């Protein structure tokens, strides 16, 4: 009998050791902790090129408007604070260690991987917190992680979860509350829903000239499906709201086009708001579907800049609350850890209404882009 319990204990101990050797790594963009770090931060964002001083100052102004200061604050910047909380909530559900690594600021991905190695982690399940796949985002996270890991650890990289049902449900829960509130306040006025995603330069969604191999992986040489995946997320959210949202009353556009040159995919939110005003809408409820928590593109671009645009148009706008610590979002992340990402990807435009709103550039510049 004693031998039996000894063997059971030995097996349990081995299983626990294997579990402890595995950990989850959440990958996010990163954000500066204080205003004086802006130039250094932007240099990382642009791959070492940096941006002109007037752009740095403009972004410092925007971050200051949403609470970033010259000295660190107790709560920290929004993106970092919420991402760390999401990791803590996921860790509580999984009963497994969850780390956070940022591509463009602290805690850097490389530093987090070093800490994971010190902690004895041998297998990483990495989740990119940008649900829609794109070479300009997910591809760079993958590269940063594989550069840090090298051959020392086993990595399962989870990306492209734009159509995860729990992700759509999490967004739909927030939008339902916002839309019902606005409908009550609008007292019969015409209300539209505008889903948004972060714009990317048109050149980044075109096919690569030649295949690129990185750590044994051939990086995509075909046009990526970022725009299609963003619209697919929006369609799934709208489907969960079909009892209160008509198909003809929701729209999609791209926000936060960069300050650098060259065409970016569109239409822009500003253009779409003007069109909705012309169509007779009185109130628009916005929801960004590619961001999982509050940060500058929500708190400044939507809550401040787009509010000003709407005021000039004579239009009322509001926004669905960000996912932040949404229990449904945490359940989606938990499900990704256990079941991975479905291999099924969107193959076509999600609706004719959305597809015509694809790019903000001459078509000859996007030959083969298939956005």
Protein backbone atom coordinates (compact mmCIF):
# COMPACT_ATOMS: atom_id res chain seq x y z
CA UNK A 1 0.00 0.00 0.00
CA UNK A 2 2.81 2.38 0.85
CA UNK A 3 4.47 1.53 -2.47
CA UNK A 4 1.20 2.30 -4.28
CA UNK A 5 0.95 5.77 -2.74
CA UNK A 6 4.63 6.34 -3.45
CA UNK A 7 4.11 5.56 -7.15
CA UNK A 8 0.99 7.73 -7.34
CA UNK A 9 2.87 10.60 -5.73
CA UNK A 10 5.74 10.11 -8.15
CA UNK A 11 3.40 10.25 -11.16
CA UNK A 12 1.61 13.33 -9.85
CA UNK A 13 4.93 15.02 -9.19
CA UNK A 14 6.11 14.33 -12.73
CA UNK A 15 2.85 15.69 -14.17
CA UNK A 16 3.13 18.84 -12.04
CA UNK A 17 6.72 19.32 -13.15
CA UNK A 18 5.65 19.10 -16.80
CA UNK A 19 2.89 21.65 -16.20
CA UNK A 20 5.34 23.97 -14.46
CA UNK A 21 7.66 23.75 -17.45
CA UNK A 22 4.91 25.19 -19.65
CA UNK A 23 3.76 28.79 -19.57
CA UNK A 24 1.68 31.26 -21.55
CA UNK A 25 3.11 34.44 -23.05
CA UNK A 26 0.80 37.31 -24.03
CA UNK A 27 2.32 39.52 -26.71
CA UNK A 28 1.30 43.17 -27.02
CA UNK A 29 2.48 46.36 -28.73
CA UNK A 30 3.85 48.25 -25.73
CA UNK A 31 3.61 51.89 -24.77
CA UNK A 32 5.96 54.40 -23.12
CA UNK A 33 5.78 54.86 -19.36
CA UNK A 34 6.49 58.61 -19.44
CA UNK A 35 6.36 61.37 -22.06
CA UNK A 36 10.14 61.74 -22.29
CA UNK A 37 10.39 58.18 -23.63
CA UNK A 38 8.32 58.97 -26.71
CA UNK A 39 11.17 59.45 -29.19
CA UNK A 40 12.89 56.23 -28.13
CA UNK A 41 9.58 54.37 -28.23
CA UNK A 42 8.76 55.61 -31.73
CA UNK A 43 12.20 54.61 -32.94
CA UNK A 44 11.40 51.04 -31.92
CA UNK A 45 7.95 51.22 -33.52
CA UNK A 46 9.47 52.35 -36.83
CA UNK A 47 12.24 49.75 -36.84
CA UNK A 48 14.99 52.20 -35.93
CA UNK A 49 14.09 54.99 -38.36
CA UNK A 50 12.45 57.29 -35.86
CA UNK A 51 10.07 60.11 -36.74
CA UNK A 52 10.46 63.89 -37.20
CA UNK A 53 10.42 65.99 -34.04
CA UNK A 54 7.04 67.56 -34.85
CA UNK A 55 5.51 64.07 -35.02
CA UNK A 56 7.09 63.13 -31.70
CA UNK A 57 5.67 66.29 -30.13
CA UNK A 58 2.22 65.66 -31.58
CA UNK A 59 2.18 62.15 -30.13
CA UNK A 60 3.42 63.44 -26.79
CA UNK A 61 0.46 65.82 -26.83
CA UNK A 62 -1.97 62.98 -27.56
CA UNK A 63 -0.58 60.78 -24.80
CA UNK A 64 -0.63 63.70 -22.37
CA UNK A 65 -4.31 64.20 -23.19
CA UNK A 66 -5.05 60.65 -21.99
CA UNK A 67 -3.00 60.88 -18.81
CA UNK A 68 0.65 60.10 -19.57
CA UNK A 69 2.96 62.36 -17.54
CA UNK A 70 6.63 63.33 -17.25
CA UNK A 71 6.95 61.10 -14.19
CA UNK A 72 5.69 57.52 -13.79
CA UNK A 73 2.24 57.19 -12.25
CA UNK A 74 1.23 54.54 -9.74
CA UNK A 75 -1.25 52.91 -12.10
CA UNK A 76 1.01 53.00 -15.17
CA UNK A 77 -0.04 53.59 -18.81
CA UNK A 78 -3.39 52.16 -19.89
CA UNK A 79 -2.12 49.50 -22.31
CA UNK A 80 0.45 48.10 -19.89
CA UNK A 81 -1.93 48.17 -16.94
CA UNK A 82 -4.75 46.36 -18.72
CA UNK A 83 -2.49 43.79 -20.39
CA UNK A 84 -0.90 42.86 -17.06
CA UNK A 85 -4.37 42.54 -15.53
CA UNK A 86 -5.51 40.32 -18.41
CA UNK A 87 -2.47 38.12 -17.79
CA UNK A 88 -3.24 37.89 -14.07
CA UNK A 89 -6.88 36.97 -14.73
CA UNK A 90 -5.88 34.35 -17.29
CA UNK A 91 -3.29 32.90 -14.92
CA UNK A 92 -5.97 32.53 -12.26
CA UNK A 93 -8.20 30.59 -14.66
CA UNK A 94 -5.45 28.40 -16.08
CA UNK A 95 -3.59 27.71 -12.83
CA UNK A 96 -0.53 28.16 -15.02
CA UNK A 97 2.06 30.90 -15.26
CA UNK A 98 1.21 33.71 -17.68
CA UNK A 99 3.81 36.27 -18.74
CA UNK A 100 3.59 39.49 -20.76
CA UNK A 101 6.04 40.59 -23.45
CA UNK A 102 5.85 43.86 -25.38
CA UNK A 103 7.35 44.34 -28.82
CA UNK A 104 8.08 48.06 -28.55
CA UNK A 105 8.54 48.79 -24.84
CA UNK A 106 8.97 47.34 -21.38
CA UNK A 107 8.55 44.55 -20.52
CA UNK A 108 10.29 43.69 -23.79
CA UNK A 109 9.68 40.27 -25.32
CA UNK A 110 13.37 39.37 -25.08
CA UNK A 111 13.55 40.31 -21.39
CA UNK A 112 10.43 38.31 -20.62
CA UNK A 113 11.80 35.25 -22.44
CA UNK A 114 15.00 35.54 -20.40
CA UNK A 115 12.93 35.56 -17.21
CA UNK A 116 10.95 32.55 -18.41
CA UNK A 117 14.17 30.66 -19.01
CA UNK A 118 15.35 31.51 -15.49
CA UNK A 119 12.01 30.26 -14.17
CA UNK A 120 12.53 26.90 -15.84
CA UNK A 121 9.96 27.29 -18.61
CA UNK A 122 10.64 24.97 -21.54
CA UNK A 123 7.45 25.32 -23.58
CA UNK A 124 5.78 28.64 -24.46
CA UNK A 125 2.23 29.05 -25.67
CA UNK A 126 2.36 32.53 -27.16
CA UNK A 127 -0.83 34.47 -27.89
CA UNK A 128 -0.64 37.62 -29.97
CA UNK A 129 -3.17 40.09 -28.58
CA UNK A 130 -3.80 41.44 -32.08
CA UNK A 131 -6.55 39.02 -33.13
CA UNK A 132 -6.39 39.80 -36.86
CA UNK A 133 -3.36 38.46 -38.68
CA UNK A 134 -1.05 40.89 -40.48
CA UNK A 135 2.59 41.00 -41.48
CA UNK A 136 2.84 44.49 -39.98
CA UNK A 137 1.77 43.26 -36.57
CA UNK A 138 1.64 39.53 -35.99
CA UNK A 139 4.60 38.78 -38.23
CA UNK A 140 6.79 41.18 -36.26
CA UNK A 141 5.69 39.68 -32.94
CA UNK A 142 6.56 36.21 -34.20
CA UNK A 143 9.96 37.34 -35.38
CA UNK A 144 10.77 39.13 -32.10
CA UNK A 145 9.77 36.06 -30.10
CA UNK A 146 11.71 33.57 -32.23
CA UNK A 147 14.79 35.81 -32.15
CA UNK A 148 14.61 35.83 -28.35
CA UNK A 149 13.95 32.11 -27.96
CA UNK A 150 16.37 30.75 -30.52
CA UNK A 151 16.60 26.98 -30.08
CA UNK A 152 16.28 26.99 -26.30
CA UNK A 153 12.51 26.55 -25.93
CA UNK A 154 9.54 24.99 -27.66
CA UNK A 155 7.06 27.58 -28.95
CA UNK A 156 3.42 27.28 -29.97
CA UNK A 157 2.51 30.60 -31.57
CA UNK A 158 -1.22 31.36 -31.65
CA UNK A 159 -2.28 34.09 -34.05
CA UNK A 160 -5.12 34.90 -36.38
CA UNK A 161 -8.04 34.34 -34.00
CA UNK A 162 -10.26 37.01 -35.53
CA UNK A 163 -13.22 34.64 -35.80
CA UNK A 164 -13.07 33.08 -32.36
CA UNK A 165 -16.70 32.92 -31.16
CA UNK A 166 -15.84 34.06 -27.63
CA UNK A 167 -13.98 37.09 -28.98
CA UNK A 168 -17.08 38.06 -30.97
CA UNK A 169 -19.26 37.46 -27.92
CA UNK A 170 -17.04 39.66 -25.74
CA UNK A 171 -17.33 42.54 -28.22
CA UNK A 172 -21.06 41.93 -28.70
CA UNK A 173 -21.69 42.13 -24.95
CA UNK A 174 -20.09 45.57 -24.81
CA UNK A 175 -21.82 46.79 -27.96
CA UNK A 176 -25.24 45.55 -26.84
CA UNK A 177 -25.06 47.64 -23.69
CA UNK A 178 -23.83 50.72 -25.57
CA UNK A 179 -26.36 50.41 -28.39
CA UNK A 180 -29.36 49.87 -26.12
CA UNK A 181 -28.36 52.91 -24.06
CA UNK A 182 -28.00 55.10 -27.16
CA UNK A 183 -31.28 53.87 -28.64
CA UNK A 184 -33.04 54.83 -25.42
CA UNK A 185 -31.41 58.27 -25.40
CA UNK A 186 -31.95 58.84 -29.13
CA UNK A 187 -35.73 58.45 -28.71
CA UNK A 188 -36.32 57.14 -32.21
CA UNK A 189 -33.48 58.93 -33.97
CA UNK A 190 -31.53 57.08 -36.66
CA UNK A 191 -28.57 55.21 -35.08
CA UNK A 192 -25.66 53.49 -36.87
CA UNK A 193 -22.94 51.18 -35.60
CA UNK A 194 -19.44 51.72 -36.93
CA UNK A 195 -16.90 48.96 -36.37
CA UNK A 196 -13.27 50.01 -36.83
CA UNK A 197 -9.82 48.50 -37.03
CA UNK A 198 -6.37 50.04 -37.13
CA UNK A 199 -5.31 51.07 -40.62
CA UNK A 200 -2.07 49.76 -42.11
CA UNK A 201 -0.02 51.11 -45.03
CA UNK A 202 -1.23 49.71 -48.35
CA UNK A 203 2.26 48.47 -49.19
CA UNK A 204 2.29 46.17 -46.16
CA UNK A 205 -0.68 44.10 -47.34
CA UNK A 206 0.72 43.46 -50.80
CA UNK A 207 2.58 40.29 -51.73
CA UNK A 208 6.27 40.12 -50.87
CA UNK A 209 8.68 40.10 -53.78
CA UNK A 210 10.32 36.83 -52.70
CA UNK A 211 9.94 34.26 -49.92
CA UNK A 212 11.72 35.06 -46.67
CA UNK A 213 12.83 32.28 -44.31
CA UNK A 214 13.16 33.07 -40.61
CA UNK A 215 13.97 30.45 -37.97
CA UNK A 216 12.88 27.67 -40.31
CA UNK A 217 9.58 29.36 -41.21
CA UNK A 218 8.81 30.73 -44.65
CA UNK A 219 7.13 34.07 -44.09
CA UNK A 220 4.08 34.89 -46.17
CA UNK A 221 4.71 35.98 -49.75
CA UNK A 222 1.03 36.36 -50.66
CA UNK A 223 -1.19 39.33 -49.81
CA UNK A 224 -2.20 38.97 -46.18
CA UNK A 225 -5.82 38.75 -45.08
CA UNK A 226 -5.74 41.49 -42.46
CA UNK A 227 -8.54 43.62 -43.92
CA UNK A 228 -10.72 40.57 -44.56
CA UNK A 229 -10.17 39.25 -41.03
CA UNK A 230 -11.05 42.63 -39.50
CA UNK A 231 -14.32 42.69 -41.41
CA UNK A 232 -14.99 39.05 -40.51
CA UNK A 233 -14.74 39.94 -36.81
CA UNK A 234 -17.19 42.79 -37.33
CA UNK A 235 -19.65 40.53 -39.14
CA UNK A 236 -19.60 37.97 -36.31
CA UNK A 237 -20.28 40.70 -33.74
CA UNK A 238 -23.16 42.06 -35.81
CA UNK A 239 -24.59 38.55 -36.16
CA UNK A 240 -24.76 38.23 -32.38
CA UNK A 241 -26.63 41.55 -32.28
CA UNK A 242 -29.10 40.84 -35.08
CA UNK A 243 -32.03 41.04 -32.67
CA UNK A 244 -31.28 44.75 -32.12
CA UNK A 245 -29.06 45.69 -35.10
CA UNK A 246 -30.25 45.66 -38.71
CA UNK A 247 -27.76 44.65 -41.39
CA UNK A 248 -28.21 48.01 -43.12
CA UNK A 249 -27.29 49.95 -39.97
CA UNK A 250 -23.74 48.75 -39.38
CA UNK A 251 -20.62 49.85 -41.22
CA UNK A 252 -16.87 49.35 -41.17
CA UNK A 253 -13.86 51.62 -41.60
CA UNK A 254 -10.19 51.88 -40.69
CA UNK A 255 -8.92 54.31 -38.07
CA UNK A 256 -5.69 55.92 -36.94
CA UNK A 257 -3.96 56.21 -40.30
CA UNK A 258 -0.34 57.05 -39.63
CA UNK A 259 1.44 60.38 -39.83
CA UNK A 260 3.99 58.95 -42.27
CA UNK A 261 3.67 59.25 -46.04
CA UNK A 262 2.14 56.84 -48.52
CA UNK A 263 -1.40 55.51 -48.87
CA UNK A 264 -3.11 53.65 -46.01
CA UNK A 265 -6.10 51.34 -46.29
CA UNK A 266 -9.46 52.95 -45.78
CA UNK A 267 -12.04 54.37 -45.76
CA UNK A 268 -11.15 56.53 -42.81
CA UNK A 269 -13.50 56.97 -39.88
CA UNK A 270 -13.73 60.67 -40.69
CA UNK A 271 -14.95 59.92 -44.23
CA UNK A 272 -17.44 57.35 -42.99
CA UNK A 273 -18.88 59.68 -40.35
CA UNK A 274 -19.46 62.31 -43.04
CA UNK A 275 -21.21 59.72 -45.22
CA UNK A 276 -23.39 58.55 -42.34
CA UNK A 277 -24.40 62.13 -41.60
CA UNK A 278 -25.39 62.54 -45.24
CA UNK A 279 -27.46 59.35 -44.98
CA UNK A 280 -29.49 60.89 -42.18
CA UNK A 281 -27.99 59.15 -39.17
CA UNK A 282 -28.07 61.21 -35.99
CA UNK A 283 -25.95 59.05 -33.68
CA UNK A 284 -23.11 56.61 -34.37
CA UNK A 285 -21.82 54.03 -31.89
CA UNK A 286 -18.19 53.09 -32.57
CA UNK A 287 -16.41 49.89 -31.60
CA UNK A 288 -12.79 49.09 -32.49
CA UNK A 289 -12.57 45.33 -33.10
CA UNK A 290 -8.80 44.90 -33.17
CA UNK A 291 -7.98 46.39 -29.76
CA UNK A 292 -8.47 44.37 -26.57
CA UNK A 293 -8.03 47.21 -24.08
CA UNK A 294 -7.90 50.98 -23.67
CA UNK A 295 -4.92 52.78 -25.18
CA UNK A 296 -4.14 55.88 -27.22
CA UNK A 297 -5.96 54.84 -30.42
CA UNK A 298 -9.15 54.50 -28.38
CA UNK A 299 -8.82 57.11 -25.65
CA UNK A 300 -7.48 59.85 -27.94
CA UNK A 301 -8.36 58.97 -31.53
CA UNK A 302 -11.97 57.98 -30.76
CA UNK A 303 -12.83 59.75 -27.52
CA UNK A 304 -11.20 63.07 -28.41
CA UNK A 305 -10.37 63.42 -32.13
CA UNK A 306 -13.43 61.68 -33.58
CA UNK A 307 -15.65 63.46 -31.08
CA UNK A 308 -14.40 66.75 -32.49
CA UNK A 309 -14.98 65.53 -36.05
CA UNK A 310 -18.52 64.49 -35.16
CA UNK A 311 -19.23 67.83 -33.49
CA UNK A 312 -18.18 69.66 -36.65
CA UNK A 313 -20.51 67.40 -38.67
CA UNK A 314 -23.42 67.91 -36.30
CA UNK A 315 -23.38 64.23 -35.42
CA UNK A 316 -23.51 62.52 -32.03
CA UNK A 317 -21.07 59.67 -31.45
CA UNK A 318 -20.32 57.35 -28.56
CA UNK A 319 -18.24 54.24 -28.08
CA UNK A 320 -18.76 50.76 -26.70
CA UNK A 321 -16.64 50.13 -23.62
CA UNK A 322 -13.31 48.40 -24.32
CA UNK A 323 -12.92 44.72 -23.44
CA UNK A 324 -10.24 45.36 -20.80
CA UNK A 325 -10.99 42.83 -18.02
CA UNK A 326 -14.00 41.23 -19.75
CA UNK A 327 -14.55 37.70 -18.35
CA UNK A 328 -15.61 36.57 -21.83
CA UNK A 329 -12.32 37.82 -23.30
CA UNK A 330 -10.39 35.93 -20.63
CA UNK A 331 -12.41 32.81 -21.48
CA UNK A 332 -11.47 33.30 -25.15
CA UNK A 333 -7.78 33.41 -24.21
CA UNK A 334 -8.22 30.33 -22.03
CA UNK A 335 -9.85 28.49 -24.93
CA UNK A 336 -6.96 29.45 -27.22
CA UNK A 337 -4.48 27.93 -24.77
CA UNK A 338 -6.40 24.65 -24.61
CA UNK A 339 -7.61 24.32 -28.20
CA UNK A 340 -5.43 26.57 -30.34
CA UNK A 341 -6.64 28.45 -33.41
CA UNK A 342 -8.95 26.99 -36.04
CA UNK A 343 -7.20 26.38 -39.34
CA UNK A 344 -10.26 27.69 -41.17
CA UNK A 345 -9.67 31.23 -42.40
CA UNK A 346 -11.94 33.73 -44.16
CA UNK A 347 -11.78 33.19 -47.90
CA UNK A 348 -13.92 36.02 -49.22
CA UNK A 349 -15.36 39.38 -48.34
CA UNK A 350 -17.87 39.25 -45.51
CA UNK A 351 -20.50 41.30 -47.34
CA UNK A 352 -20.78 43.38 -50.46
CA UNK A 353 -21.50 46.45 -48.36
CA UNK A 354 -18.19 46.14 -46.53
CA UNK A 355 -16.09 45.03 -49.46
CA UNK A 356 -16.56 48.21 -51.48
CA UNK A 357 -14.99 50.13 -48.58
CA UNK A 358 -11.56 48.63 -48.96
CA UNK A 359 -8.66 50.94 -49.78
CA UNK A 360 -7.77 54.59 -49.90
CA UNK A 361 -5.33 54.50 -52.79
CA UNK A 362 -5.22 54.24 -56.60
CA UNK A 363 -5.96 50.66 -57.56
CA UNK A 364 -2.77 50.37 -59.62
CA UNK A 365 -0.77 50.78 -56.41
CA UNK A 366 -2.55 47.79 -54.93
CA UNK A 367 -2.44 45.35 -57.82
CA UNK A 368 -2.74 41.90 -56.31
CA UNK A 369 -3.40 43.24 -52.81
CA UNK A 370 -6.80 41.44 -52.67
CA UNK A 371 -7.77 43.50 -49.62
